[in-house]
């Protein structure tokens, strides 16, 4: 007898079932990019945050999307392939490492909260306003990761 599937599945994509709520989330994302531009957070840094959080959460759809975006903003394949071990390699700037540390801590808040020491270290490279944008970026991509994972958004073969 075939195994019964125990994981509940949605009947479709959340973004299609709740288009107004999804539009709000995409508006948040655009506002975040605009605010990052305004306060001087490079798009490449935002994409490193998006990529790292998507790796941690296991969101294939978002990994694929943010890899392409990161490359568009000048990121390299080598650095992207090493995001999971960003602390161990010397390829990332100190400010990028701190942005990824903050994003990682926010993503893993169920097991470990961001520390006052981390934010103090971040202030060596970022203003409080910039740190808040980094935090909001991590919050936003975590929401998108959960939406895509629950919706089982497929990764499609890239066009050449």
N, C-alpha and C. Protein backbone atom coordinates (compact mmCIF):
# COMPACT_ATOMS: atom_id res chain seq x y z
N UNK A 1 0.85 -1.18 0.00
CA UNK A 1 0.00 0.00 0.00
C UNK A 1 0.89 1.25 0.00
N UNK A 2 0.60 2.24 -0.85
CA UNK A 2 1.42 3.45 -0.89
C UNK A 2 1.31 4.22 0.42
N UNK A 3 2.44 4.87 0.75
CA UNK A 3 2.46 5.68 1.97
C UNK A 3 1.51 6.85 1.87
N UNK A 4 0.80 7.09 2.95
CA UNK A 4 -0.08 8.26 3.01
C UNK A 4 0.78 9.50 3.24
N UNK A 5 0.51 10.53 2.50
CA UNK A 5 1.22 11.78 2.71
C UNK A 5 0.67 12.45 3.96
N UNK A 6 1.58 12.84 4.85
CA UNK A 6 1.15 13.44 6.11
C UNK A 6 1.32 14.95 6.12
N UNK A 7 2.04 15.48 5.14
CA UNK A 7 2.24 16.92 5.09
C UNK A 7 1.04 17.58 4.41
N UNK A 8 0.36 18.48 5.11
CA UNK A 8 -0.76 19.16 4.45
C UNK A 8 -0.26 20.03 3.29
N UNK A 9 -0.98 20.02 2.22
CA UNK A 9 -0.64 20.83 1.05
C UNK A 9 -1.70 21.88 0.84
N UNK A 10 -1.27 23.02 0.38
CA UNK A 10 -2.22 24.06 0.01
C UNK A 10 -2.87 23.70 -1.32
N UNK A 11 -4.00 24.28 -1.57
CA UNK A 11 -4.71 24.01 -2.83
C UNK A 11 -4.12 24.82 -3.98
N UNK A 12 -3.22 25.71 -3.69
CA UNK A 12 -2.63 26.54 -4.74
C UNK A 12 -1.64 27.51 -4.14
N UNK A 13 -1.27 28.48 -4.92
CA UNK A 13 -0.30 29.47 -4.48
C UNK A 13 -0.98 30.52 -3.59
N UNK A 14 -0.35 30.81 -2.45
CA UNK A 14 -0.89 31.84 -1.55
C UNK A 14 -1.00 33.19 -2.25
N UNK A 15 -0.01 33.52 -3.09
CA UNK A 15 -0.03 34.81 -3.77
C UNK A 15 -1.21 34.92 -4.73
N UNK A 16 -1.64 33.80 -5.28
CA UNK A 16 -2.80 33.80 -6.18
C UNK A 16 -4.11 33.78 -5.39
N UNK A 17 -4.10 33.10 -4.25
CA UNK A 17 -5.30 33.01 -3.43
C UNK A 17 -5.59 34.31 -2.68
N UNK A 18 -4.53 35.04 -2.36
CA UNK A 18 -4.67 36.30 -1.62
C UNK A 18 -3.92 37.41 -2.34
N UNK A 19 -4.38 37.81 -3.52
CA UNK A 19 -3.62 38.77 -4.33
C UNK A 19 -3.45 40.14 -3.67
N UNK A 20 -4.42 40.59 -2.90
CA UNK A 20 -4.29 41.90 -2.25
C UNK A 20 -3.22 41.87 -1.16
N UNK A 21 -3.20 40.79 -0.40
CA UNK A 21 -2.17 40.65 0.64
C UNK A 21 -0.79 40.51 0.01
N UNK A 22 -0.71 39.75 -1.07
CA UNK A 22 0.56 39.60 -1.77
C UNK A 22 1.02 40.94 -2.34
N UNK A 23 0.10 41.72 -2.86
CA UNK A 23 0.44 43.05 -3.38
C UNK A 23 1.01 43.93 -2.27
N UNK A 24 0.47 43.79 -1.08
CA UNK A 24 1.00 44.54 0.06
C UNK A 24 2.43 44.12 0.36
N UNK A 25 2.70 42.83 0.31
CA UNK A 25 4.04 42.32 0.56
C UNK A 25 5.02 42.79 -0.52
N UNK A 26 4.60 42.77 -1.77
CA UNK A 26 5.49 43.24 -2.84
C UNK A 26 5.70 44.76 -2.74
N UNK A 27 4.69 45.48 -2.31
CA UNK A 27 4.85 46.92 -2.08
C UNK A 27 5.88 47.18 -0.97
N UNK A 28 5.81 46.40 0.09
CA UNK A 28 6.79 46.46 1.19
C UNK A 28 8.20 46.28 0.63
N UNK A 29 8.34 45.27 -0.23
CA UNK A 29 9.64 44.97 -0.81
C UNK A 29 10.17 46.14 -1.63
N UNK A 30 9.31 46.76 -2.42
CA UNK A 30 9.75 47.90 -3.23
C UNK A 30 10.09 49.10 -2.35
N UNK A 31 9.29 49.33 -1.32
CA UNK A 31 9.59 50.42 -0.39
C UNK A 31 10.93 50.18 0.30
N UNK A 32 11.20 48.94 0.64
CA UNK A 32 12.46 48.59 1.28
C UNK A 32 13.64 48.91 0.37
N UNK A 33 13.54 48.55 -0.90
CA UNK A 33 14.61 48.85 -1.86
C UNK A 33 14.80 50.36 -1.98
N UNK A 34 13.70 51.09 -2.07
CA UNK A 34 13.78 52.55 -2.17
C UNK A 34 14.47 53.14 -0.93
N UNK A 35 14.10 52.63 0.24
CA UNK A 35 14.69 53.13 1.49
C UNK A 35 16.16 52.74 1.58
N UNK A 36 16.51 51.54 1.13
CA UNK A 36 17.92 51.12 1.12
C UNK A 36 18.73 52.04 0.21
N UNK A 37 18.18 52.37 -0.94
CA UNK A 37 18.86 53.30 -1.84
C UNK A 37 19.03 54.65 -1.16
N UNK A 38 18.00 55.11 -0.48
CA UNK A 38 18.04 56.42 0.16
C UNK A 38 19.10 56.49 1.26
N UNK A 39 19.21 55.41 2.06
CA UNK A 39 20.15 55.46 3.19
C UNK A 39 21.53 54.91 2.84
N UNK A 40 21.70 54.44 1.61
CA UNK A 40 23.03 54.02 1.16
C UNK A 40 23.40 52.57 1.41
N UNK A 41 22.40 51.69 1.45
CA UNK A 41 22.69 50.25 1.53
C UNK A 41 22.76 49.76 0.09
N UNK A 42 23.91 49.23 -0.34
CA UNK A 42 24.02 48.77 -1.73
C UNK A 42 23.06 47.64 -2.06
N UNK A 43 22.57 47.62 -3.28
CA UNK A 43 21.68 46.55 -3.72
C UNK A 43 22.36 45.18 -3.58
N UNK A 44 23.66 45.15 -3.82
CA UNK A 44 24.40 43.90 -3.67
C UNK A 44 24.29 43.37 -2.24
N UNK A 45 24.36 44.26 -1.28
CA UNK A 45 24.23 43.85 0.13
C UNK A 45 22.83 43.33 0.40
N UNK A 46 21.82 44.00 -0.13
CA UNK A 46 20.44 43.51 0.02
C UNK A 46 20.30 42.10 -0.54
N UNK A 47 20.91 41.86 -1.70
CA UNK A 47 20.80 40.55 -2.31
C UNK A 47 21.58 39.49 -1.54
N UNK A 48 22.68 39.86 -0.91
CA UNK A 48 23.38 38.91 -0.03
C UNK A 48 22.49 38.52 1.14
N UNK A 49 21.78 39.49 1.70
CA UNK A 49 20.83 39.22 2.78
C UNK A 49 19.74 38.28 2.28
N UNK A 50 19.16 38.60 1.13
CA UNK A 50 18.09 37.77 0.56
C UNK A 50 18.57 36.35 0.30
N UNK A 51 19.76 36.23 -0.23
CA UNK A 51 20.32 34.93 -0.58
C UNK A 51 20.60 34.10 0.67
N UNK A 52 21.25 34.71 1.65
CA UNK A 52 21.58 33.99 2.89
C UNK A 52 20.31 33.52 3.61
N UNK A 53 19.35 34.39 3.79
CA UNK A 53 18.11 34.01 4.47
C UNK A 53 17.40 32.90 3.71
N UNK A 54 17.40 32.98 2.40
CA UNK A 54 16.76 31.96 1.58
C UNK A 54 17.48 30.62 1.71
N UNK A 55 18.81 30.66 1.85
CA UNK A 55 19.57 29.43 2.10
C UNK A 55 19.18 28.83 3.44
N UNK A 56 19.18 29.65 4.47
CA UNK A 56 18.85 29.18 5.81
C UNK A 56 17.46 28.55 5.84
N UNK A 57 16.52 29.20 5.18
CA UNK A 57 15.13 28.73 5.18
C UNK A 57 14.87 27.60 4.18
N UNK A 58 15.81 27.36 3.29
CA UNK A 58 15.63 26.30 2.30
C UNK A 58 14.60 26.65 1.24
N UNK A 59 14.59 27.90 0.81
CA UNK A 59 13.63 28.33 -0.19
C UNK A 59 14.29 28.36 -1.58
N UNK A 60 14.07 27.29 -2.33
CA UNK A 60 14.70 27.16 -3.65
C UNK A 60 14.27 28.27 -4.60
N UNK A 61 12.97 28.59 -4.60
CA UNK A 61 12.47 29.62 -5.50
C UNK A 61 13.18 30.95 -5.25
N UNK A 62 13.29 31.35 -3.99
CA UNK A 62 13.92 32.63 -3.65
C UNK A 62 15.43 32.60 -3.88
N UNK A 63 16.07 31.46 -3.64
CA UNK A 63 17.50 31.34 -3.94
C UNK A 63 17.75 31.59 -5.42
N UNK A 64 16.96 30.97 -6.26
CA UNK A 64 17.10 31.14 -7.71
C UNK A 64 16.89 32.60 -8.10
N UNK A 65 15.82 33.19 -7.60
CA UNK A 65 15.50 34.58 -7.92
C UNK A 65 16.60 35.52 -7.47
N UNK A 66 17.07 35.37 -6.23
CA UNK A 66 18.04 36.32 -5.69
C UNK A 66 19.46 36.06 -6.18
N UNK A 67 19.74 34.87 -6.66
CA UNK A 67 21.02 34.66 -7.32
C UNK A 67 21.07 35.49 -8.59
N UNK A 68 19.99 35.41 -9.38
CA UNK A 68 19.95 36.18 -10.63
C UNK A 68 20.04 37.68 -10.36
N UNK A 69 19.31 38.15 -9.35
CA UNK A 69 19.35 39.58 -9.03
C UNK A 69 20.72 40.00 -8.53
N UNK A 70 21.34 39.18 -7.70
CA UNK A 70 22.67 39.51 -7.19
C UNK A 70 23.68 39.63 -8.33
N UNK A 71 23.63 38.69 -9.26
CA UNK A 71 24.53 38.75 -10.41
C UNK A 71 24.28 40.02 -11.21
N UNK A 72 23.03 40.40 -11.35
CA UNK A 72 22.67 41.64 -12.07
C UNK A 72 23.30 42.86 -11.41
N UNK A 73 23.41 42.84 -10.07
CA UNK A 73 23.99 43.98 -9.34
C UNK A 73 25.50 43.86 -9.15
N UNK A 74 26.13 42.92 -9.86
CA UNK A 74 27.58 42.84 -9.85
C UNK A 74 28.17 41.81 -8.90
N UNK A 75 27.34 41.01 -8.27
CA UNK A 75 27.85 39.96 -7.40
C UNK A 75 28.53 38.89 -8.25
N UNK A 76 29.42 38.12 -7.64
CA UNK A 76 30.12 37.06 -8.38
C UNK A 76 29.57 35.69 -7.99
N UNK A 77 29.70 34.75 -8.92
CA UNK A 77 29.31 33.36 -8.66
C UNK A 77 30.10 32.81 -7.48
N UNK A 78 31.39 33.14 -7.41
CA UNK A 78 32.23 32.61 -6.34
C UNK A 78 31.70 33.03 -4.98
N UNK A 79 31.45 34.31 -4.81
CA UNK A 79 30.97 34.79 -3.51
C UNK A 79 29.61 34.20 -3.17
N UNK A 80 28.71 34.13 -4.15
CA UNK A 80 27.39 33.53 -3.89
C UNK A 80 27.52 32.08 -3.47
N UNK A 81 28.45 31.36 -4.08
CA UNK A 81 28.61 29.95 -3.72
C UNK A 81 29.16 29.78 -2.31
N UNK A 82 29.70 30.85 -1.74
CA UNK A 82 30.29 30.78 -0.40
C UNK A 82 29.50 31.56 0.65
N UNK A 83 28.32 32.01 0.31
CA UNK A 83 27.50 32.76 1.28
C UNK A 83 27.24 31.93 2.54
N UNK A 84 27.02 30.63 2.39
CA UNK A 84 26.73 29.78 3.55
C UNK A 84 27.88 29.77 4.56
N UNK A 85 29.09 30.06 4.09
CA UNK A 85 30.26 30.08 4.97
C UNK A 85 30.91 31.47 4.98
N UNK A 86 30.07 32.49 4.89
CA UNK A 86 30.57 33.86 4.78
C UNK A 86 31.51 34.26 5.91
N UNK A 87 31.35 33.69 7.09
CA UNK A 87 32.21 34.02 8.24
C UNK A 87 33.61 33.42 8.09
N UNK A 88 33.72 32.38 7.30
CA UNK A 88 34.97 31.62 7.21
C UNK A 88 35.88 32.01 6.05
N UNK A 89 35.35 32.76 5.11
CA UNK A 89 36.16 33.14 3.95
C UNK A 89 36.43 34.64 4.01
N UNK A 90 37.48 35.06 3.39
CA UNK A 90 37.83 36.47 3.39
C UNK A 90 37.36 37.23 2.17
N UNK A 91 36.26 36.81 1.58
CA UNK A 91 35.81 37.42 0.34
C UNK A 91 34.80 38.54 0.51
N UNK A 92 34.26 38.67 1.72
CA UNK A 92 33.21 39.66 1.96
C UNK A 92 33.77 40.82 2.79
N UNK A 93 33.31 42.03 2.45
CA UNK A 93 33.71 43.21 3.20
C UNK A 93 33.12 43.13 4.61
N UNK A 94 33.76 43.80 5.56
CA UNK A 94 33.31 43.77 6.95
C UNK A 94 31.86 44.21 7.08
N UNK A 95 31.46 45.23 6.34
CA UNK A 95 30.07 45.71 6.41
C UNK A 95 29.11 44.65 5.89
N UNK A 96 29.48 43.94 4.83
CA UNK A 96 28.63 42.89 4.29
C UNK A 96 28.49 41.74 5.30
N UNK A 97 29.60 41.39 5.93
CA UNK A 97 29.57 40.32 6.94
C UNK A 97 28.62 40.70 8.07
N UNK A 98 28.68 41.93 8.52
CA UNK A 98 27.79 42.38 9.60
C UNK A 98 26.34 42.37 9.16
N UNK A 99 26.06 42.79 7.94
CA UNK A 99 24.68 42.75 7.44
C UNK A 99 24.18 41.31 7.41
N UNK A 100 25.03 40.38 6.98
CA UNK A 100 24.63 38.98 6.93
C UNK A 100 24.49 38.39 8.33
N UNK A 101 25.34 38.80 9.26
CA UNK A 101 25.20 38.32 10.65
C UNK A 101 23.86 38.75 11.23
N UNK A 102 23.49 40.01 11.00
CA UNK A 102 22.21 40.51 11.50
C UNK A 102 21.06 39.73 10.86
N UNK A 103 21.11 39.57 9.54
CA UNK A 103 20.05 38.84 8.83
C UNK A 103 19.97 37.40 9.30
N UNK A 104 21.10 36.78 9.52
CA UNK A 104 21.10 35.39 10.00
C UNK A 104 20.48 35.30 11.39
N UNK A 105 20.85 36.21 12.27
CA UNK A 105 20.29 36.18 13.62
C UNK A 105 18.77 36.42 13.61
N UNK A 106 18.32 37.30 12.76
CA UNK A 106 16.87 37.55 12.65
C UNK A 106 16.17 36.30 12.12
N UNK A 107 16.78 35.64 11.15
CA UNK A 107 16.19 34.43 10.57
C UNK A 107 16.16 33.28 11.57
N UNK A 108 17.14 33.23 12.44
CA UNK A 108 17.24 32.15 13.43
C UNK A 108 16.75 32.56 14.82
N UNK A 109 15.90 33.56 14.90
CA UNK A 109 15.48 34.09 16.20
C UNK A 109 14.84 33.06 17.11
N UNK A 110 14.32 32.00 16.58
CA UNK A 110 13.69 31.00 17.44
C UNK A 110 14.72 30.28 18.32
N UNK A 111 15.98 30.30 17.92
CA UNK A 111 17.02 29.64 18.71
C UNK A 111 18.01 30.61 19.32
N UNK A 112 18.12 31.81 18.77
CA UNK A 112 19.11 32.76 19.27
C UNK A 112 18.72 34.17 18.83
N UNK A 113 18.65 35.07 19.76
CA UNK A 113 18.27 36.45 19.45
C UNK A 113 19.48 37.30 19.08
N UNK A 114 19.31 38.29 18.22
CA UNK A 114 20.42 39.21 17.92
C UNK A 114 20.88 39.89 19.22
N UNK A 115 22.17 40.00 19.38
CA UNK A 115 22.72 40.54 20.62
C UNK A 115 23.01 42.03 20.52
N UNK A 116 23.09 42.65 21.68
CA UNK A 116 23.47 44.06 21.75
C UNK A 116 24.88 44.24 21.19
N UNK A 117 25.73 43.25 21.41
CA UNK A 117 27.11 43.31 20.90
C UNK A 117 27.14 43.32 19.37
N UNK A 118 26.27 42.53 18.77
CA UNK A 118 26.20 42.51 17.31
C UNK A 118 25.81 43.88 16.77
N UNK A 119 24.79 44.49 17.38
CA UNK A 119 24.37 45.81 16.92
C UNK A 119 25.43 46.87 17.19
N UNK A 120 26.16 46.74 18.29
CA UNK A 120 27.25 47.68 18.57
C UNK A 120 28.34 47.53 17.51
N UNK A 121 28.66 46.30 17.14
CA UNK A 121 29.65 46.05 16.09
C UNK A 121 29.16 46.60 14.75
N UNK A 122 27.88 46.43 14.47
CA UNK A 122 27.32 46.93 13.21
C UNK A 122 27.41 48.44 13.12
N UNK A 123 27.31 49.13 14.25
CA UNK A 123 27.38 50.60 14.26
C UNK A 123 28.75 51.13 13.86
N UNK A 124 29.73 50.25 13.80
CA UNK A 124 31.06 50.66 13.31
C UNK A 124 31.02 50.87 11.79
N UNK A 125 30.01 50.30 11.13
CA UNK A 125 29.91 50.38 9.67
C UNK A 125 28.62 51.00 9.18
N UNK A 126 27.59 50.97 10.01
CA UNK A 126 26.26 51.43 9.60
C UNK A 126 25.66 52.38 10.63
N UNK A 127 24.83 53.29 10.14
CA UNK A 127 24.05 54.15 11.03
C UNK A 127 22.87 53.33 11.57
N UNK A 128 22.21 53.84 12.60
CA UNK A 128 21.02 53.17 13.12
C UNK A 128 19.95 53.04 12.04
N UNK A 129 19.84 54.06 11.21
CA UNK A 129 18.85 54.02 10.13
C UNK A 129 19.18 52.90 9.13
N UNK A 130 20.45 52.75 8.81
CA UNK A 130 20.85 51.68 7.90
C UNK A 130 20.64 50.30 8.54
N UNK A 131 20.94 50.18 9.82
CA UNK A 131 20.74 48.91 10.52
C UNK A 131 19.26 48.55 10.51
N UNK A 132 18.40 49.53 10.70
CA UNK A 132 16.97 49.23 10.68
C UNK A 132 16.52 48.74 9.31
N UNK A 133 17.10 49.27 8.24
CA UNK A 133 16.77 48.80 6.89
C UNK A 133 17.26 47.36 6.71
N UNK A 134 18.45 47.05 7.20
CA UNK A 134 18.97 45.69 7.13
C UNK A 134 18.03 44.73 7.87
N UNK A 135 17.58 45.13 9.04
CA UNK A 135 16.63 44.30 9.81
C UNK A 135 15.33 44.12 9.03
N UNK A 136 14.81 45.18 8.46
CA UNK A 136 13.56 45.10 7.71
C UNK A 136 13.73 44.25 6.45
N UNK A 137 14.93 44.27 5.86
CA UNK A 137 15.20 43.42 4.69
C UNK A 137 15.12 41.94 5.09
N UNK A 138 15.73 41.61 6.21
CA UNK A 138 15.69 40.22 6.69
C UNK A 138 14.26 39.80 7.01
N UNK A 139 13.51 40.67 7.63
CA UNK A 139 12.10 40.37 7.95
C UNK A 139 11.32 40.13 6.66
N UNK A 140 11.53 40.97 5.67
CA UNK A 140 10.81 40.85 4.41
C UNK A 140 11.12 39.57 3.66
N UNK A 141 12.40 39.22 3.54
CA UNK A 141 12.73 38.01 2.78
C UNK A 141 12.26 36.77 3.53
N UNK A 142 12.26 36.82 4.85
CA UNK A 142 11.72 35.68 5.61
C UNK A 142 10.24 35.48 5.30
N UNK A 143 9.50 36.56 5.15
CA UNK A 143 8.08 36.46 4.78
C UNK A 143 7.94 35.86 3.39
N UNK A 144 8.73 36.34 2.44
CA UNK A 144 8.67 35.80 1.08
C UNK A 144 9.08 34.33 1.05
N UNK A 145 10.12 33.97 1.83
CA UNK A 145 10.53 32.56 1.89
C UNK A 145 9.39 31.67 2.34
N UNK A 146 8.71 32.09 3.38
CA UNK A 146 7.62 31.27 3.91
C UNK A 146 6.47 31.16 2.90
N UNK A 147 6.17 32.26 2.24
CA UNK A 147 5.12 32.25 1.22
C UNK A 147 5.49 31.27 0.09
N UNK A 148 6.71 31.35 -0.39
CA UNK A 148 7.13 30.50 -1.52
C UNK A 148 7.22 29.03 -1.12
N UNK A 149 7.71 28.77 0.09
CA UNK A 149 7.80 27.38 0.54
C UNK A 149 6.41 26.79 0.71
N UNK A 150 5.51 27.51 1.37
CA UNK A 150 4.15 27.01 1.57
C UNK A 150 3.41 26.84 0.24
N UNK A 151 3.67 27.73 -0.70
CA UNK A 151 3.01 27.67 -2.00
C UNK A 151 3.68 26.68 -2.94
N UNK A 152 4.85 26.19 -2.54
CA UNK A 152 5.65 25.29 -3.38
C UNK A 152 5.89 25.90 -4.76
N UNK A 153 6.31 27.18 -4.76
CA UNK A 153 6.65 27.82 -6.02
C UNK A 153 7.77 27.04 -6.70
N UNK A 154 7.60 26.71 -7.96
CA UNK A 154 8.62 25.90 -8.65
C UNK A 154 9.79 26.75 -9.15
N UNK A 155 10.94 26.12 -9.20
CA UNK A 155 12.10 26.74 -9.85
C UNK A 155 12.05 26.29 -11.29
N UNK A 156 12.06 27.23 -12.18
CA UNK A 156 11.98 26.91 -13.61
C UNK A 156 13.38 26.95 -14.22
N UNK A 157 13.56 26.22 -15.29
CA UNK A 157 14.83 26.21 -16.00
C UNK A 157 15.09 27.62 -16.51
N UNK A 158 16.29 28.12 -16.26
CA UNK A 158 16.66 29.47 -16.67
C UNK A 158 16.77 29.56 -18.19
N UNK A 159 16.35 30.70 -18.72
CA UNK A 159 16.52 30.96 -20.15
C UNK A 159 17.98 31.29 -20.40
N UNK A 160 18.48 30.86 -21.52
CA UNK A 160 19.89 31.11 -21.84
C UNK A 160 20.09 32.42 -22.51
